[in-house]
Amino acid sequence: MKGSCLCGAIQISASDQTEVNVCHCNMCRRWGGGPFLAVHCGSQVEFSGSLAPARYASSDWAERGFCPACGTHLFYHLLPDGEYALPVGLFQDDERFQLTEQIFIDHKPDYYALANQTRTLTGAQVFALFGASQD
């Protein structure tokens, strides 16, 4: 898959994926103004172009990346295993993607709802799945 930030200064290459996951956690919603629609791309993601992504350590276990020129959100990067979750909007091939999972469903505010039938996990279930503490 190929994508880029809004200004084109950073290009992204990642292996082909079709599944889109949604995160409703408070941090993702604050970061992007709504739920994070993510494509999990593993650790083999390449960034190229005239600029390097800016990185922000958003927790002890993850960092978020963005274009320093236009501010486009580029990734959520899990540090322990190197996994990148990239915003689906970076990629223009909209027809191949399918919404499959929603996490932190218990953090989702009542003012929106997604009609797609997906697997859902609460915040506690997500932390239990990854063996992490919520603290």
Protein backbone atom coordinates (compact mmCIF):
# COMPACT_ATOMS: atom_id res chain seq x y z
CA MET A 1 0.00 0.00 0.00
CA LYS A 2 1.18 3.50 -0.77
CA GLY A 3 0.03 6.69 0.89
CA SER A 4 1.15 10.17 1.82
CA CYS A 5 0.53 13.06 4.14
CA LEU A 6 -1.65 15.97 3.03
CA CYS A 7 1.24 18.10 1.73
CA GLY A 8 3.07 15.13 0.12
CA ALA A 9 6.34 15.69 2.03
CA ILE A 10 6.12 12.18 3.56
CA GLN A 11 5.26 9.03 1.62
CA ILE A 12 4.32 5.77 3.31
CA SER A 13 4.77 2.21 2.06
CA ALA A 14 3.24 -0.75 3.91
CA SER A 15 2.18 -4.31 3.11
CA ASP A 16 -1.31 -4.73 1.69
CA GLN A 17 -4.06 -4.89 4.30
CA THR A 18 -7.86 -4.92 4.10
CA GLU A 19 -9.04 -4.77 7.73
CA VAL A 20 -9.81 -1.47 9.44
CA ASN A 21 -10.02 -1.27 13.22
CA VAL A 22 -11.53 1.58 15.20
CA CYS A 23 -10.22 2.89 18.52
CA HIS A 24 -12.65 4.92 20.64
CA CYS A 25 -10.24 5.63 23.52
CA ASN A 26 -10.05 9.13 24.92
CA MET A 27 -6.48 9.68 23.71
CA CYS A 28 -7.22 8.68 20.10
CA ARG A 29 -10.33 10.86 20.02
CA ARG A 30 -8.39 13.82 21.41
CA TRP A 31 -5.55 13.22 18.93
CA GLY A 32 -7.77 13.12 15.86
CA GLY A 33 -11.05 14.75 16.86
CA GLY A 34 -12.93 11.46 16.53
CA PRO A 35 -12.36 7.72 16.57
CA PHE A 36 -9.09 6.46 15.09
CA LEU A 37 -9.75 4.40 11.93
CA ALA A 38 -6.61 2.30 11.75
CA VAL A 39 -4.99 -0.23 9.45
CA HIS A 40 -2.55 -2.48 11.35
CA CYS A 41 0.53 -2.85 9.16
CA GLY A 42 3.05 -4.72 11.29
CA SER A 43 6.56 -3.41 11.79
CA GLN A 44 7.60 -3.22 8.14
CA VAL A 45 6.44 0.32 7.33
CA GLU A 46 8.65 2.69 5.35
CA PHE A 47 8.58 6.48 5.44
CA SER A 48 10.29 8.45 2.68
CA GLY A 49 10.19 11.90 1.14
CA SER A 50 11.65 15.31 1.94
CA LEU A 51 10.76 15.17 5.66
CA ALA A 52 10.91 12.58 8.43
CA PRO A 53 7.87 12.06 10.65
CA ALA A 54 7.80 13.95 13.94
CA ARG A 55 7.25 11.60 16.90
CA TYR A 56 5.43 12.15 20.17
CA ALA A 57 5.75 9.69 23.10
CA SER A 58 2.07 9.45 24.05
CA SER A 59 2.60 6.70 26.66
CA ASP A 60 5.28 4.43 28.07
CA TRP A 61 4.51 1.85 25.37
CA ALA A 62 3.62 3.87 22.26
CA GLU A 63 4.38 6.91 20.18
CA ARG A 64 2.34 8.82 17.63
CA GLY A 65 3.74 10.29 14.45
CA PHE A 66 2.74 13.23 12.29
CA CYS A 67 4.05 15.33 9.43
CA PRO A 68 5.96 18.33 10.82
CA ALA A 69 4.87 20.47 7.85
CA CYS A 70 1.12 19.84 7.46
CA GLY A 71 0.29 18.01 10.71
CA THR A 72 -1.20 14.90 9.07
CA HIS A 73 -1.43 12.01 11.52
CA LEU A 74 0.81 9.24 10.22
CA PHE A 75 0.90 6.46 12.79
CA TYR A 76 0.38 4.96 16.21
CA HIS A 77 3.52 2.90 16.93
CA LEU A 78 3.64 0.23 19.64
CA LEU A 79 7.19 0.24 20.98
CA PRO A 80 7.43 -3.30 22.47
CA ASP A 81 6.77 -5.10 19.17
CA GLY A 82 7.24 -2.35 16.57
CA GLU A 83 3.63 -2.62 15.29
CA TYR A 84 2.37 0.38 13.30
CA ALA A 85 -1.30 1.33 13.07
CA LEU A 86 -1.78 3.79 10.23
CA PRO A 87 -4.82 5.99 9.58
CA VAL A 88 -6.84 4.41 6.77
CA GLY A 89 -7.30 7.87 5.22
CA LEU A 90 -3.63 7.89 4.17
CA PHE A 91 -4.50 5.30 1.55
CA GLN A 92 -6.81 6.15 -1.31
CA ASP A 93 -7.99 2.63 -2.26
CA ASP A 94 -11.20 2.90 -0.22
CA GLU A 95 -12.99 -0.07 -1.80
CA ARG A 96 -10.68 -2.78 -0.50
CA PHE A 97 -11.06 -1.88 3.20
CA GLN A 98 -13.59 -3.46 5.59
CA LEU A 99 -14.32 -2.35 9.14
CA THR A 100 -13.76 -5.42 11.34
CA GLU A 101 -13.16 -4.41 14.98
CA GLN A 102 -13.80 -1.64 17.50
CA ILE A 103 -11.76 -1.30 20.68
CA PHE A 104 -12.36 0.74 23.83
CA ILE A 105 -16.04 0.52 22.97
CA ASP A 106 -16.81 1.46 26.58
CA HIS A 107 -15.07 4.82 25.99
CA LYS A 108 -17.18 5.66 22.92
CA PRO A 109 -19.39 8.70 23.58
CA ASP A 110 -23.12 8.45 22.89
CA TYR A 111 -23.16 11.17 20.21
CA TYR A 112 -22.07 8.79 17.42
CA ALA A 113 -22.59 5.15 16.46
CA LEU A 114 -21.17 3.04 13.66
CA ALA A 115 -23.64 0.87 11.76
CA ASN A 116 -21.08 -1.82 10.83
CA GLN A 117 -21.34 -5.16 12.61
CA THR A 118 -17.88 -5.69 14.13
CA ARG A 119 -16.12 -7.44 16.96
CA THR A 120 -16.01 -5.09 19.97
CA LEU A 121 -13.65 -5.00 22.94
CA THR A 122 -13.77 -2.89 26.09
CA GLY A 123 -10.68 -1.14 27.39
CA ALA A 124 -10.22 -3.83 30.07
CA GLN A 125 -10.42 -6.56 27.40
CA VAL A 126 -7.80 -4.80 25.27
CA PHE A 127 -5.38 -4.49 28.20
CA ALA A 128 -6.00 -8.13 29.18
CA LEU A 129 -5.37 -9.25 25.59
CA PHE A 130 -1.96 -7.59 25.56
CA GLY A 131 -1.14 -8.45 29.17
CA ALA A 132 -0.79 -4.80 30.09
CA SER A 133 -1.84 -2.82 33.11
CA GLN A 134 -4.38 -0.01 32.80
CA ASP A 135 -2.35 2.13 35.21
